[in-house]
Amino acid sequence: MERFQQSGQGDIADSWVGPGPNKEVAPNQLEQAIGPDVLATLSQQTGLSREELLAKLSKELPTAVDKYTPEGRLPSQ
């Protein structure tokens, strides 16, 4: 969530946590928020290309965050 805030896309991530519809995130927006180091690590761990990762994550991440924040807030640590 912090990375989305820092990349100027906090409103998108906030929509996934809060009530109401989830805003879509484009692969290029996701790449900007996640950063090249995380993408390289994920690519190495999964065997997927950057493009495949971004395509899958841009579709699945909003739903996953929404699912794990049913109270409309991030879980406490």
PDB file of N, CA and C in Angstrom:
ATOM      1  N   MET A   1       0.831  -1.181   0.000  1.00  0.00           N
ATOM      2  CA  MET A   1       0.000   0.000   0.000  1.00  0.00           C
ATOM      3  C   MET A   1       0.878   1.248   0.000  1.00  0.00           C
ATOM      4  N   GLU A   2       1.959   1.164   0.751  1.00  0.00           N
ATOM      5  CA  GLU A   2       2.864   2.308   0.823  1.00  0.00           C
ATOM      6  C   GLU A   2       3.445   2.631  -0.543  1.00  0.00           C
ATOM      7  N   ARG A   3       3.801   1.612  -1.281  1.00  0.00           N
ATOM      8  CA  ARG A   3       4.378   1.830  -2.606  1.00  0.00           C
ATOM      9  C   ARG A   3       3.373   2.495  -3.548  1.00  0.00           C
ATOM     10  N   PHE A   4       2.106   2.128  -3.420  1.00  0.00           N
ATOM     11  CA  PHE A   4       1.091   2.759  -4.256  1.00  0.00           C
ATOM     12  C   PHE A   4       0.935   4.230  -3.876  1.00  0.00           C
ATOM     13  N   GLN A   5       0.966   4.520  -2.582  1.00  0.00           N
ATOM     14  CA  GLN A   5       0.895   5.905  -2.119  1.00  0.00           C
ATOM     15  C   GLN A   5       2.076   6.702  -2.668  1.00  0.00           C
ATOM     16  N   GLN A   6       3.263   6.134  -2.548  1.00  0.00           N
ATOM     17  CA  GLN A   6       4.481   6.820  -2.972  1.00  0.00           C
ATOM     18  C   GLN A   6       4.530   7.058  -4.472  1.00  0.00           C
ATOM     19  N   SER A   7       3.890   6.192  -5.240  1.00  0.00           N
ATOM     20  CA  SER A   7       3.909   6.343  -6.696  1.00  0.00           C
ATOM     21  C   SER A   7       2.738   7.172  -7.205  1.00  0.00           C
ATOM     22  N   GLY A   8       1.979   7.771  -6.282  1.00  0.00           N
ATOM     23  CA  GLY A   8       0.862   8.622  -6.681  1.00  0.00           C
ATOM     24  C   GLY A   8      -0.398   7.871  -7.051  1.00  0.00           C
ATOM     25  N   GLN A   9      -0.488   6.613  -6.649  1.00  0.00           N
ATOM     26  CA  GLN A   9      -1.639   5.786  -7.004  1.00  0.00           C
ATOM     27  C   GLN A   9      -2.378   5.282  -5.772  1.00  0.00           C
ATOM     28  N   GLY A  10      -2.301   6.062  -4.720  1.00  0.00           N
ATOM     29  CA  GLY A  10      -2.948   5.679  -3.472  1.00  0.00           C
ATOM     30  C   GLY A  10      -4.449   5.540  -3.596  1.00  0.00           C
ATOM     31  N   ASP A  11      -5.067   6.370  -4.446  1.00  0.00           N
ATOM     32  CA  ASP A  11      -6.522   6.284  -4.603  1.00  0.00           C
ATOM     33  C   ASP A  11      -6.958   4.942  -5.168  1.00  0.00           C
ATOM     34  N   ILE A  12      -6.127   4.364  -6.027  1.00  0.00           N
ATOM     35  CA  ILE A  12      -6.443   3.049  -6.597  1.00  0.00           C
ATOM     36  C   ILE A  12      -6.386   1.990  -5.499  1.00  0.00           C
ATOM     37  N   ALA A  13      -5.294   1.965  -4.763  1.00  0.00           N
ATOM     38  CA  ALA A  13      -5.131   0.966  -3.698  1.00  0.00           C
ATOM     39  C   ALA A  13      -6.169   1.170  -2.598  1.00  0.00           C
ATOM     40  N   ASP A  14      -6.480   2.411  -2.273  1.00  0.00           N
ATOM     41  CA  ASP A  14      -7.492   2.684  -1.250  1.00  0.00           C
ATOM     42  C   ASP A  14      -8.851   2.115  -1.643  1.00  0.00           C
ATOM     43  N   SER A  15      -9.153   2.109  -2.942  1.00  0.00           N
ATOM     44  CA  SER A  15     -10.443   1.568  -3.393  1.00  0.00           C
ATOM     45  C   SER A  15     -10.531   0.068  -3.151  1.00  0.00           C
ATOM     46  N   TRP A  16      -9.395  -0.612  -3.119  1.00  0.00           N
ATOM     47  CA  TRP A  16      -9.391  -2.056  -2.885  1.00  0.00           C
ATOM     48  C   TRP A  16      -9.648  -2.366  -1.425  1.00  0.00           C
ATOM     49  N   VAL A  17      -9.180  -1.497  -0.550  1.00  0.00           N
ATOM     50  CA  VAL A  17      -9.325  -1.707   0.892  1.00  0.00           C
ATOM     51  C   VAL A  17     -10.707  -1.271   1.355  1.00  0.00           C
ATOM     52  N   GLY A  18     -11.135  -0.113   0.926  1.00  0.00           N
ATOM     53  CA  GLY A  18     -12.398   0.456   1.384  1.00  0.00           C
ATOM     54  C   GLY A  18     -13.605  -0.188   0.734  1.00  0.00           C
ATOM     55  N   PRO A  19     -14.777   0.204   1.209  1.00  0.00           N
ATOM     56  CA  PRO A  19     -16.008  -0.324   0.616  1.00  0.00           C
ATOM     57  C   PRO A  19     -16.236   0.282  -0.766  1.00  0.00           C
ATOM     58  N   GLY A  20     -17.043  -0.364  -1.534  1.00  0.00           N
ATOM     59  CA  GLY A  20     -17.351   0.125  -2.873  1.00  0.00           C
ATOM     60  C   GLY A  20     -16.556  -0.614  -3.924  1.00  0.00           C
ATOM     61  N   PRO A  21     -16.723  -0.188  -5.170  1.00  0.00           N
ATOM     62  CA  PRO A  21     -16.056  -0.891  -6.272  1.00  0.00           C
ATOM     63  C   PRO A  21     -14.541  -0.698  -6.231  1.00  0.00           C
ATOM     64  N   ASN A  22     -13.852  -1.711  -6.708  1.00  0.00           N
ATOM     65  CA  ASN A  22     -12.392  -1.656  -6.804  1.00  0.00           C
ATOM     66  C   ASN A  22     -12.002  -0.999  -8.120  1.00  0.00           C
ATOM     67  N   LYS A  23     -11.104  -0.027  -8.036  1.00  0.00           N
ATOM     68  CA  LYS A  23     -10.588   0.590  -9.252  1.00  0.00           C
ATOM     69  C   LYS A  23      -9.599  -0.374  -9.894  1.00  0.00           C
ATOM     70  N   GLU A  24      -9.580  -0.343 -11.211  1.00  0.00           N
ATOM     71  CA  GLU A  24      -8.644  -1.180 -11.954  1.00  0.00           C
ATOM     72  C   GLU A  24      -7.258  -0.551 -11.906  1.00  0.00           C
ATOM     73  N   VAL A  25      -6.261  -1.399 -12.031  1.00  0.00           N
ATOM     74  CA  VAL A  25      -4.888  -0.928 -12.123  1.00  0.00           C
ATOM     75  C   VAL A  25      -4.296  -1.476 -13.417  1.00  0.00           C
ATOM     76  N   ALA A  26      -3.746  -0.586 -14.221  1.00  0.00           N
ATOM     77  CA  ALA A  26      -3.125  -1.001 -15.479  1.00  0.00           C
ATOM     78  C   ALA A  26      -1.751  -1.602 -15.183  1.00  0.00           C
ATOM     79  N   PRO A  27      -1.310  -2.532 -16.022  1.00  0.00           N
ATOM     80  CA  PRO A  27       0.001  -3.133 -15.798  1.00  0.00           C
ATOM     81  C   PRO A  27       1.129  -2.107 -15.639  1.00  0.00           C
ATOM     82  N   ASN A  28       1.103  -1.031 -16.429  1.00  0.00           N
ATOM     83  CA  ASN A  28       2.168  -0.035 -16.306  1.00  0.00           C
ATOM     84  C   ASN A  28       2.085   0.723 -14.982  1.00  0.00           C
ATOM     85  N   GLN A  29       0.871   0.944 -14.458  1.00  0.00           N
ATOM     86  CA  GLN A  29       0.716   1.573 -13.147  1.00  0.00           C
ATOM     87  C   GLN A  29       1.236   0.649 -12.056  1.00  0.00           C
ATOM     88  N   LEU A  30       0.933  -0.619 -12.182  1.00  0.00           N
ATOM     89  CA  LEU A  30       1.385  -1.611 -11.224  1.00  0.00           C
ATOM     90  C   LEU A  30       2.907  -1.706 -11.227  1.00  0.00           C
ATOM     91  N   GLU A  31       3.490  -1.693 -12.405  1.00  0.00           N
ATOM     92  CA  GLU A  31       4.949  -1.746 -12.512  1.00  0.00           C
ATOM     93  C   GLU A  31       5.585  -0.551 -11.820  1.00  0.00           C
ATOM     94  N   GLN A  32       4.992   0.608 -11.999  1.00  0.00           N
ATOM     95  CA  GLN A  32       5.500   1.820 -11.371  1.00  0.00           C
ATOM     96  C   GLN A  32       5.417   1.720  -9.846  1.00  0.00           C
ATOM     97  N   ALA A  33       4.331   1.167  -9.337  1.00  0.00           N
ATOM     98  CA  ALA A  33       4.143   1.061  -7.890  1.00  0.00           C
ATOM     99  C   ALA A  33       5.027  -0.013  -7.270  1.00  0.00           C
ATOM    100  N   ILE A  34       5.121  -1.160  -7.919  1.00  0.00           N
ATOM    101  CA  ILE A  34       5.868  -2.282  -7.354  1.00  0.00           C
ATOM    102  C   ILE A  34       7.373  -2.058  -7.458  1.00  0.00           C
ATOM    103  N   GLY A  35       7.817  -1.563  -8.582  1.00  0.00           N
ATOM    104  CA  GLY A  35       9.236  -1.308  -8.778  1.00  0.00           C
ATOM    105  C   GLY A  35       9.963  -2.471  -9.421  1.00  0.00           C
ATOM    106  N   PRO A  36      11.083  -2.173 -10.051  1.00  0.00           N
ATOM    107  CA  PRO A  36      11.808  -3.196 -10.809  1.00  0.00           C
ATOM    108  C   PRO A  36      12.428  -4.298  -9.951  1.00  0.00           C
ATOM    109  N   ASP A  37      12.864  -3.966  -8.747  1.00  0.00           N
ATOM    110  CA  ASP A  37      13.496  -4.984  -7.904  1.00  0.00           C
ATOM    111  C   ASP A  37      12.508  -6.063  -7.484  1.00  0.00           C
ATOM    112  N   VAL A  38      11.321  -5.647  -7.060  1.00  0.00           N
ATOM    113  CA  VAL A  38      10.302  -6.615  -6.642  1.00  0.00           C
ATOM    114  C   VAL A  38       9.858  -7.446  -7.839  1.00  0.00           C
ATOM    115  N   LEU A  39       9.677  -6.797  -8.984  1.00  0.00           N
ATOM    116  CA  LEU A  39       9.272  -7.539 -10.182  1.00  0.00           C
ATOM    117  C   LEU A  39      10.333  -8.558 -10.589  1.00  0.00           C
ATOM    118  N   ALA A  40      11.588  -8.187 -10.504  1.00  0.00           N
ATOM    119  CA  ALA A  40      12.660  -9.121 -10.857  1.00  0.00           C
ATOM    120  C   ALA A  40      12.659 -10.315  -9.910  1.00  0.00           C
ATOM    121  N   THR A  41      12.468 -10.061  -8.621  1.00  0.00           N
ATOM    122  CA  THR A  41      12.419 -11.146  -7.642  1.00  0.00           C
ATOM    123  C   THR A  41      11.229 -12.064  -7.909  1.00  0.00           C
ATOM    124  N   LEU A  42      10.065 -11.483  -8.122  1.00  0.00           N
ATOM    125  CA  LEU A  42       8.871 -12.291  -8.409  1.00  0.00           C
ATOM    126  C   LEU A  42       9.039 -13.094  -9.689  1.00  0.00           C
ATOM    127  N   SER A  43       9.619 -12.486 -10.689  1.00  0.00           N
ATOM    128  CA  SER A  43       9.848 -13.179 -11.954  1.00  0.00           C
ATOM    129  C   SER A  43      10.778 -14.370 -11.755  1.00  0.00           C
ATOM    130  N   GLN A  44      11.826 -14.158 -10.981  1.00  0.00           N
ATOM    131  CA  GLN A  44      12.775 -15.242 -10.711  1.00  0.00           C
ATOM    132  C   GLN A  44      12.110 -16.356  -9.914  1.00  0.00           C
ATOM    133  N   GLN A  45      11.294 -15.999  -8.925  1.00  0.00           N
ATOM    134  CA  GLN A  45      10.666 -17.005  -8.063  1.00  0.00           C
ATOM    135  C   GLN A  45       9.554 -17.770  -8.769  1.00  0.00           C
ATOM    136  N   THR A  46       8.855 -17.124  -9.681  1.00  0.00           N
ATOM    137  CA  THR A  46       7.716 -17.772 -10.337  1.00  0.00           C
ATOM    138  C   THR A  46       8.036 -18.348 -11.708  1.00  0.00           C
ATOM    139  N   GLY A  47       9.094 -17.853 -12.325  1.00  0.00           N
ATOM    140  CA  GLY A  47       9.402 -18.294 -13.683  1.00  0.00           C
ATOM    141  C   GLY A  47       8.581 -17.576 -14.735  1.00  0.00           C
ATOM    142  N   LEU A  48       7.785 -16.611 -14.313  1.00  0.00           N
ATOM    143  CA  LEU A  48       6.974 -15.837 -15.253  1.00  0.00           C
ATOM    144  C   LEU A  48       7.748 -14.611 -15.724  1.00  0.00           C
ATOM    145  N   SER A  49       7.456 -14.163 -16.932  1.00  0.00           N
ATOM    146  CA  SER A  49       8.087 -12.944 -17.431  1.00  0.00           C
ATOM    147  C   SER A  49       7.468 -11.733 -16.720  1.00  0.00           C
ATOM    148  N   ARG A  50       8.135 -10.595 -16.819  1.00  0.00           N
ATOM    149  CA  ARG A  50       7.600  -9.361 -16.222  1.00  0.00           C
ATOM    150  C   ARG A  50       6.202  -9.075 -16.766  1.00  0.00           C
ATOM    151  N   GLU A  51       6.049  -9.251 -18.069  1.00  0.00           N
ATOM    152  CA  GLU A  51       4.766  -8.963 -18.712  1.00  0.00           C
ATOM    153  C   GLU A  51       3.663  -9.885 -18.196  1.00  0.00           C
ATOM    154  N   GLU A  52       3.991 -11.166 -18.045  1.00  0.00           N
ATOM    155  CA  GLU A  52       3.017 -12.122 -17.520  1.00  0.00           C
ATOM    156  C   GLU A  52       2.644 -11.782 -16.083  1.00  0.00           C
ATOM    157  N   LEU A  53       3.637 -11.465 -15.272  1.00  0.00           N
ATOM    158  CA  LEU A  53       3.380 -11.090 -13.876  1.00  0.00           C
ATOM    159  C   LEU A  53       2.481  -9.870 -13.788  1.00  0.00           C
ATOM    160  N   LEU A  54       2.819  -8.850 -14.539  1.00  0.00           N
ATOM    161  CA  LEU A  54       2.043  -7.609 -14.481  1.00  0.00           C
ATOM    162  C   LEU A  54       0.607  -7.831 -14.954  1.00  0.00           C
ATOM    163  N   ALA A  55       0.437  -8.636 -15.988  1.00  0.00           N
ATOM    164  CA  ALA A  55      -0.915  -8.918 -16.491  1.00  0.00           C
ATOM    165  C   ALA A  55      -1.734  -9.653 -15.439  1.00  0.00           C
ATOM    166  N   LYS A  56      -1.136 -10.664 -14.820  1.00  0.00           N
ATOM    167  CA  LYS A  56      -1.855 -11.446 -13.808  1.00  0.00           C
ATOM    168  C   LYS A  56      -2.120 -10.618 -12.552  1.00  0.00           C
ATOM    169  N   LEU A  57      -1.102  -9.920 -12.074  1.00  0.00           N
ATOM    170  CA  LEU A  57      -1.262  -9.131 -10.854  1.00  0.00           C
ATOM    171  C   LEU A  57      -2.258  -7.988 -11.030  1.00  0.00           C
ATOM    172  N   SER A  58      -2.271  -7.366 -12.203  1.00  0.00           N
ATOM    173  CA  SER A  58      -3.197  -6.253 -12.406  1.00  0.00           C
ATOM    174  C   SER A  58      -4.651  -6.730 -12.360  1.00  0.00           C
ATOM    175  N   LYS A  59      -4.871  -7.998 -12.661  1.00  0.00           N
ATOM    176  CA  LYS A  59      -6.228  -8.550 -12.591  1.00  0.00           C
ATOM    177  C   LYS A  59      -6.551  -9.104 -11.204  1.00  0.00           C
ATOM    178  N   GLU A  60      -5.569  -9.730 -10.553  1.00  0.00           N
ATOM    179  CA  GLU A  60      -5.821 -10.444  -9.298  1.00  0.00           C
ATOM    180  C   GLU A  60      -5.594  -9.613  -8.033  1.00  0.00           C
ATOM    181  N   LEU A  61      -4.665  -8.673  -8.065  1.00  0.00           N
ATOM    182  CA  LEU A  61      -4.315  -7.932  -6.858  1.00  0.00           C
ATOM    183  C   LEU A  61      -5.486  -7.144  -6.271  1.00  0.00           C
ATOM    184  N   PRO A  62      -6.273  -6.421  -7.079  1.00  0.00           N
ATOM    185  CA  PRO A  62      -7.405  -5.696  -6.480  1.00  0.00           C
ATOM    186  C   PRO A  62      -8.366  -6.610  -5.723  1.00  0.00           C
ATOM    187  N   THR A  63      -8.678  -7.765  -6.281  1.00  0.00           N
ATOM    188  CA  THR A  63      -9.586  -8.711  -5.644  1.00  0.00           C
ATOM    189  C   THR A  63      -8.972  -9.302  -4.383  1.00  0.00           C
ATOM    190  N   ALA A  64      -7.678  -9.620  -4.448  1.00  0.00           N
ATOM    191  CA  ALA A  64      -7.008 -10.207  -3.281  1.00  0.00           C
ATOM    192  C   ALA A  64      -6.961  -9.223  -2.121  1.00  0.00           C
ATOM    193  N   VAL A  65      -6.604  -7.977  -2.395  1.00  0.00           N
ATOM    194  CA  VAL A  65      -6.550  -6.973  -1.322  1.00  0.00           C
ATOM    195  C   VAL A  65      -7.946  -6.755  -0.757  1.00  0.00           C
ATOM    196  N   ASP A  66      -8.938  -6.676  -1.619  1.00  0.00           N
ATOM    197  CA  ASP A  66     -10.321  -6.494  -1.185  1.00  0.00           C
ATOM    198  C   ASP A  66     -10.759  -7.643  -0.275  1.00  0.00           C
ATOM    199  N   LYS A  67     -10.404  -8.851  -0.653  1.00  0.00           N
ATOM    200  CA  LYS A  67     -10.784 -10.042   0.115  1.00  0.00           C
ATOM    201  C   LYS A  67     -10.156 -10.042   1.508  1.00  0.00           C
ATOM    202  N   TYR A  68      -8.906  -9.603   1.595  1.00  0.00           N
ATOM    203  CA  TYR A  68      -8.192  -9.649   2.871  1.00  0.00           C
ATOM    204  C   TYR A  68      -8.363  -8.391   3.714  1.00  0.00           C
ATOM    205  N   THR A  69      -9.234  -7.489   3.274  1.00  0.00           N
ATOM    206  CA  THR A  69      -9.548  -6.294   4.052  1.00  0.00           C
ATOM    207  C   THR A  69     -11.070  -6.129   4.170  1.00  0.00           C
ATOM    208  N   PRO A  70     -11.755  -7.149   4.665  1.00  0.00           N
ATOM    209  CA  PRO A  70     -13.227  -7.111   4.686  1.00  0.00           C
ATOM    210  C   PRO A  70     -13.783  -6.016   5.588  1.00  0.00           C
ATOM    211  N   GLU A  71     -13.043  -5.564   6.537  1.00  0.00           N
ATOM    212  CA  GLU A  71     -13.507  -4.503   7.444  1.00  0.00           C
ATOM    213  C   GLU A  71     -13.207  -3.113   6.894  1.00  0.00           C
ATOM    214  N   GLY A  72     -12.640  -3.050   5.698  1.00  0.00           N
ATOM    215  CA  GLY A  72     -12.324  -1.763   5.089  1.00  0.00           C
ATOM    216  C   GLY A  72     -11.060  -1.125   5.648  1.00  0.00           C
ATOM    217  N   ARG A  73     -10.209  -1.955   6.223  1.00  0.00           N
ATOM    218  CA  ARG A  73      -8.918  -1.433   6.708  1.00  0.00           C
ATOM    219  C   ARG A  73      -7.878  -2.543   6.635  1.00  0.00           C
ATOM    220  N   LEU A  74      -6.614  -2.125   6.614  1.00  0.00           N
ATOM    221  CA  LEU A  74      -5.521  -3.095   6.556  1.00  0.00           C
ATOM    222  C   LEU A  74      -5.425  -3.838   7.863  1.00  0.00           C
ATOM    223  N   PRO A  75      -5.054  -5.108   7.832  1.00  0.00           N
ATOM    224  CA  PRO A  75      -4.890  -5.856   9.083  1.00  0.00           C
ATOM    225  C   PRO A  75      -3.752  -5.252   9.916  1.00  0.00           C
ATOM    226  N   SER A  76      -3.895  -5.307  11.224  1.00  0.00           N
ATOM    227  CA  SER A  76      -2.830  -4.810  12.081  1.00  0.00           C
ATOM    228  C   SER A  76      -1.708  -5.839  12.116  1.00  0.00           C
ATOM    229  N   GLN A  77      -0.511  -5.374  12.398  1.00  0.00           N
ATOM    230  CA  GLN A  77       0.655  -6.263  12.348  1.00  0.00           C
ATOM    231  C   GLN A  77       0.706  -7.174  13.513  1.00  0.00           C
TER     232      GLN A  77
END
